[in-house]
Amino acid sequence: MGMIIGTDAYFFGCLPPIVEVCQAFGIDGINAGMTMLIGKNISLMLSPLVPATFLALGLLDNMDLGRHSKFSFKYLHVVSLLMIVSAIVLGVVTLN
């Protein structure tokens, strides 16, 4: 979802309803916000809506957005999983 919409719409448009739904099921809103923030890492580095991605790709000779996405997704996915595990271990995100 983060790759389709921009950062502002993601946090100001999608986050409040998701927090409300999570609270209805007994999950703290801060936990929903933290996990959405961690999950946004993948889409920020791969999104075509982020100008810095195009700037960095423009500095490389034989790289386009498709090749960059194929190469980077697996590494960014692992980093996001490590961040979620770290957040749970450090107590930033609690499991109910």
N, C-alpha and C. Protein backbone atom coordinates (compact mmCIF):
# COMPACT_ATOMS: atom_id res chain seq x y z
N MET A 1 0.82 -1.18 0.00
CA MET A 1 0.00 0.00 0.00
C MET A 1 0.87 1.26 0.00
N GLY A 2 1.99 1.21 0.68
CA GLY A 2 2.85 2.37 0.77
C GLY A 2 3.51 2.75 -0.54
N MET A 3 3.58 1.79 -1.48
CA MET A 3 4.18 2.10 -2.78
C MET A 3 3.18 2.76 -3.71
N ILE A 4 1.90 2.66 -3.41
CA ILE A 4 0.86 3.22 -4.28
C ILE A 4 0.56 4.65 -3.90
N ILE A 5 0.55 4.93 -2.61
CA ILE A 5 0.23 6.29 -2.14
C ILE A 5 1.47 6.90 -1.52
N GLY A 6 1.47 8.20 -1.40
CA GLY A 6 2.60 8.91 -0.84
C GLY A 6 2.66 8.78 0.67
N THR A 7 3.72 9.33 1.24
CA THR A 7 3.94 9.21 2.68
C THR A 7 2.87 9.94 3.48
N ASP A 8 2.49 11.14 3.06
CA ASP A 8 1.48 11.89 3.80
C ASP A 8 0.14 11.17 3.82
N ALA A 9 -0.27 10.67 2.67
CA ALA A 9 -1.54 9.95 2.61
C ALA A 9 -1.47 8.65 3.41
N TYR A 10 -0.31 8.04 3.45
CA TYR A 10 -0.13 6.80 4.21
C TYR A 10 -0.33 7.03 5.70
N PHE A 11 0.32 8.08 6.23
CA PHE A 11 0.25 8.30 7.67
C PHE A 11 -0.97 9.12 8.10
N PHE A 12 -1.41 10.07 7.29
CA PHE A 12 -2.54 10.90 7.69
C PHE A 12 -3.88 10.35 7.21
N GLY A 13 -3.86 9.53 6.17
CA GLY A 13 -5.11 8.99 5.64
C GLY A 13 -5.38 7.56 6.04
N CYS A 14 -4.35 6.73 6.01
CA CYS A 14 -4.54 5.29 6.30
C CYS A 14 -4.32 4.93 7.75
N LEU A 15 -3.39 5.59 8.41
CA LEU A 15 -3.07 5.23 9.79
C LEU A 15 -4.24 5.42 10.77
N PRO A 16 -4.96 6.54 10.76
CA PRO A 16 -6.04 6.69 11.74
C PRO A 16 -7.13 5.61 11.66
N PRO A 17 -7.63 5.25 10.48
CA PRO A 17 -8.63 4.17 10.48
C PRO A 17 -8.06 2.81 10.92
N ILE A 18 -6.80 2.55 10.56
CA ILE A 18 -6.19 1.28 10.97
C ILE A 18 -6.01 1.26 12.48
N VAL A 19 -5.64 2.37 13.08
CA VAL A 19 -5.52 2.44 14.54
C VAL A 19 -6.88 2.20 15.19
N GLU A 20 -7.94 2.78 14.64
CA GLU A 20 -9.28 2.58 15.19
C GLU A 20 -9.71 1.12 15.12
N VAL A 21 -9.42 0.48 14.00
CA VAL A 21 -9.77 -0.95 13.86
C VAL A 21 -8.97 -1.78 14.85
N CYS A 22 -7.68 -1.48 14.99
CA CYS A 22 -6.86 -2.23 15.94
C CYS A 22 -7.35 -2.06 17.37
N GLN A 23 -7.74 -0.83 17.73
CA GLN A 23 -8.25 -0.59 19.07
C GLN A 23 -9.56 -1.32 19.31
N ALA A 24 -10.36 -1.49 18.27
CA ALA A 24 -11.61 -2.23 18.42
C ALA A 24 -11.34 -3.70 18.73
N PHE A 25 -10.20 -4.21 18.29
CA PHE A 25 -9.82 -5.60 18.56
C PHE A 25 -8.89 -5.73 19.76
N GLY A 26 -8.69 -4.65 20.50
CA GLY A 26 -7.89 -4.70 21.73
C GLY A 26 -6.40 -4.52 21.54
N ILE A 27 -5.97 -4.02 20.41
CA ILE A 27 -4.55 -3.77 20.15
C ILE A 27 -4.30 -2.28 20.33
N ASP A 28 -3.23 -1.94 21.04
CA ASP A 28 -2.91 -0.53 21.25
C ASP A 28 -2.62 0.17 19.94
N GLY A 29 -3.06 1.42 19.85
CA GLY A 29 -2.84 2.20 18.64
C GLY A 29 -1.37 2.47 18.38
N ILE A 30 -0.57 2.61 19.45
CA ILE A 30 0.86 2.87 19.27
C ILE A 30 1.54 1.68 18.62
N ASN A 31 1.08 0.47 18.93
CA ASN A 31 1.66 -0.72 18.30
C ASN A 31 1.34 -0.75 16.81
N ALA A 32 0.13 -0.39 16.44
CA ALA A 32 -0.23 -0.33 15.02
C ALA A 32 0.60 0.73 14.30
N GLY A 33 0.77 1.88 14.92
CA GLY A 33 1.57 2.95 14.32
C GLY A 33 3.03 2.58 14.15
N MET A 34 3.59 1.93 15.15
CA MET A 34 5.00 1.52 15.07
C MET A 34 5.21 0.45 14.00
N THR A 35 4.31 -0.51 13.90
CA THR A 35 4.48 -1.54 12.88
C THR A 35 4.28 -0.97 11.48
N MET A 36 3.37 0.00 11.32
CA MET A 36 3.21 0.64 10.02
C MET A 36 4.45 1.46 9.67
N LEU A 37 5.05 2.08 10.66
CA LEU A 37 6.27 2.85 10.43
C LEU A 37 7.42 1.94 10.00
N ILE A 38 7.54 0.79 10.63
CA ILE A 38 8.59 -0.17 10.25
C ILE A 38 8.31 -0.72 8.85
N GLY A 39 7.05 -1.03 8.57
CA GLY A 39 6.70 -1.57 7.25
C GLY A 39 6.87 -0.58 6.12
N LYS A 40 6.87 0.69 6.44
CA LYS A 40 7.04 1.72 5.42
C LYS A 40 8.46 1.74 4.86
N ASN A 41 9.41 1.11 5.55
CA ASN A 41 10.79 1.09 5.07
C ASN A 41 10.92 0.52 3.68
N ILE A 42 10.21 -0.57 3.42
CA ILE A 42 10.31 -1.20 2.09
C ILE A 42 9.79 -0.24 1.03
N SER A 43 8.64 0.34 1.26
CA SER A 43 8.04 1.16 0.22
C SER A 43 8.78 2.49 0.04
N LEU A 44 9.41 3.02 1.08
CA LEU A 44 10.16 4.27 0.90
C LEU A 44 11.37 4.08 0.01
N MET A 45 12.00 2.93 0.09
CA MET A 45 13.19 2.71 -0.72
C MET A 45 12.87 2.26 -2.13
N LEU A 46 11.66 1.78 -2.37
CA LEU A 46 11.31 1.24 -3.67
C LEU A 46 10.22 2.02 -4.41
N SER A 47 9.60 2.94 -3.73
CA SER A 47 8.44 3.63 -4.30
C SER A 47 8.82 4.56 -5.44
N PRO A 48 8.03 4.55 -6.50
CA PRO A 48 8.27 5.53 -7.57
C PRO A 48 7.80 6.93 -7.20
N LEU A 49 7.16 7.08 -6.03
CA LEU A 49 6.70 8.39 -5.59
C LEU A 49 7.74 9.16 -4.79
N VAL A 50 8.89 8.54 -4.53
CA VAL A 50 9.95 9.18 -3.75
C VAL A 50 11.02 9.71 -4.70
N PRO A 51 11.19 11.02 -4.75
CA PRO A 51 12.16 11.60 -5.68
C PRO A 51 13.60 11.15 -5.43
N ALA A 52 13.95 10.87 -4.18
CA ALA A 52 15.32 10.46 -3.88
C ALA A 52 15.67 9.13 -4.55
N THR A 53 14.68 8.27 -4.75
CA THR A 53 14.93 7.01 -5.43
C THR A 53 15.35 7.27 -6.88
N PHE A 54 14.64 8.15 -7.56
CA PHE A 54 14.99 8.48 -8.94
C PHE A 54 16.32 9.21 -9.03
N LEU A 55 16.62 10.05 -8.05
CA LEU A 55 17.90 10.74 -8.03
C LEU A 55 19.04 9.75 -7.89
N ALA A 56 18.90 8.80 -6.96
CA ALA A 56 19.95 7.80 -6.77
C ALA A 56 20.08 6.90 -7.99
N LEU A 57 18.96 6.51 -8.59
CA LEU A 57 19.03 5.66 -9.78
C LEU A 57 19.61 6.41 -10.98
N GLY A 58 19.40 7.71 -11.02
CA GLY A 58 19.96 8.51 -12.10
C GLY A 58 21.48 8.61 -12.03
N LEU A 59 22.04 8.43 -10.85
CA LEU A 59 23.49 8.49 -10.70
C LEU A 59 24.17 7.20 -11.14
N LEU A 60 23.40 6.14 -11.29
CA LEU A 60 23.95 4.85 -11.73
C LEU A 60 23.78 4.70 -13.24
N ASP A 61 24.66 3.94 -13.85
CA ASP A 61 24.63 3.81 -15.30
C ASP A 61 23.54 2.86 -15.79
N ASN A 62 23.57 1.61 -15.41
CA ASN A 62 22.66 0.59 -15.95
C ASN A 62 21.64 0.14 -14.92
N MET A 63 20.93 1.07 -14.32
CA MET A 63 19.96 0.69 -13.30
C MET A 63 18.66 1.44 -13.55
N ASP A 64 17.56 0.70 -13.55
CA ASP A 64 16.24 1.33 -13.63
C ASP A 64 15.44 0.90 -12.41
N LEU A 65 14.24 1.44 -12.27
CA LEU A 65 13.44 1.19 -11.08
C LEU A 65 13.04 -0.29 -10.96
N GLY A 66 12.77 -0.95 -12.06
CA GLY A 66 12.39 -2.36 -12.01
C GLY A 66 13.51 -3.25 -11.51
N ARG A 67 14.70 -3.05 -12.03
CA ARG A 67 15.85 -3.86 -11.58
C ARG A 67 16.19 -3.55 -10.13
N HIS A 68 16.09 -2.27 -9.77
CA HIS A 68 16.35 -1.87 -8.39
C HIS A 68 15.36 -2.54 -7.45
N SER A 69 14.09 -2.57 -7.82
CA SER A 69 13.06 -3.19 -6.98
C SER A 69 13.29 -4.68 -6.82
N LYS A 70 13.60 -5.36 -7.92
CA LYS A 70 13.86 -6.81 -7.86
C LYS A 70 15.05 -7.13 -6.97
N PHE A 71 16.09 -6.34 -7.08
CA PHE A 71 17.30 -6.60 -6.31
C PHE A 71 17.12 -6.26 -4.83
N SER A 72 16.52 -5.11 -4.54
CA SER A 72 16.50 -4.58 -3.18
C SER A 72 15.39 -5.14 -2.31
N PHE A 73 14.30 -5.64 -2.90
CA PHE A 73 13.15 -6.03 -2.10
C PHE A 73 13.50 -7.10 -1.07
N LYS A 74 14.25 -8.11 -1.46
CA LYS A 74 14.55 -9.20 -0.53
C LYS A 74 15.38 -8.69 0.65
N TYR A 75 16.31 -7.80 0.40
CA TYR A 75 17.14 -7.27 1.48
C TYR A 75 16.33 -6.33 2.39
N LEU A 76 15.51 -5.49 1.80
CA LEU A 76 14.69 -4.59 2.60
C LEU A 76 13.64 -5.36 3.40
N HIS A 77 13.15 -6.45 2.87
CA HIS A 77 12.19 -7.29 3.59
C HIS A 77 12.85 -7.90 4.83
N VAL A 78 14.05 -8.40 4.68
CA VAL A 78 14.79 -8.97 5.81
C VAL A 78 15.08 -7.90 6.86
N VAL A 79 15.47 -6.71 6.42
CA VAL A 79 15.74 -5.62 7.36
C VAL A 79 14.48 -5.25 8.13
N SER A 80 13.34 -5.19 7.46
CA SER A 80 12.09 -4.87 8.13
C SER A 80 11.70 -5.95 9.14
N LEU A 81 11.90 -7.22 8.79
CA LEU A 81 11.62 -8.30 9.74
C LEU A 81 12.53 -8.21 10.96
N LEU A 82 13.81 -7.90 10.74
CA LEU A 82 14.73 -7.72 11.87
C LEU A 82 14.32 -6.53 12.74
N MET A 83 13.83 -5.47 12.11
CA MET A 83 13.38 -4.31 12.87
C MET A 83 12.15 -4.65 13.72
N ILE A 84 11.24 -5.43 13.18
CA ILE A 84 10.05 -5.82 13.95
C ILE A 84 10.45 -6.71 15.12
N VAL A 85 11.33 -7.67 14.88
CA VAL A 85 11.80 -8.54 15.97
C VAL A 85 12.53 -7.71 17.02
N SER A 86 13.37 -6.78 16.60
CA SER A 86 14.08 -5.91 17.55
C SER A 86 13.10 -5.06 18.35
N ALA A 87 12.08 -4.54 17.70
CA ALA A 87 11.09 -3.72 18.39
C ALA A 87 10.33 -4.55 19.44
N ILE A 88 10.05 -5.79 19.12
CA ILE A 88 9.37 -6.66 20.08
C ILE A 88 10.29 -6.98 21.25
N VAL A 89 11.55 -7.31 20.96
CA VAL A 89 12.53 -7.64 22.01
C VAL A 89 12.78 -6.45 22.92
N LEU A 90 12.90 -5.25 22.34
CA LEU A 90 13.17 -4.06 23.13
C LEU A 90 11.93 -3.50 23.83
N GLY A 91 10.76 -4.03 23.50
CA GLY A 91 9.54 -3.59 24.15
C GLY A 91 8.89 -2.39 23.50
N VAL A 92 9.37 -1.97 22.35
CA VAL A 92 8.75 -0.85 21.64
C VAL A 92 7.37 -1.26 21.13
N VAL A 93 7.26 -2.47 20.60
CA VAL A 93 6.00 -3.05 20.17
C VAL A 93 5.70 -4.22 21.08
N THR A 94 4.51 -4.23 21.67
CA THR A 94 4.14 -5.32 22.57
C THR A 94 3.15 -6.23 21.90
N LEU A 95 3.26 -7.50 22.21
CA LEU A 95 2.32 -8.48 21.71
C LEU A 95 1.23 -8.69 22.75
N ASN A 96 -0.01 -8.61 22.32
CA ASN A 96 -1.13 -8.78 23.26
C ASN A 96 -1.59 -10.20 23.28
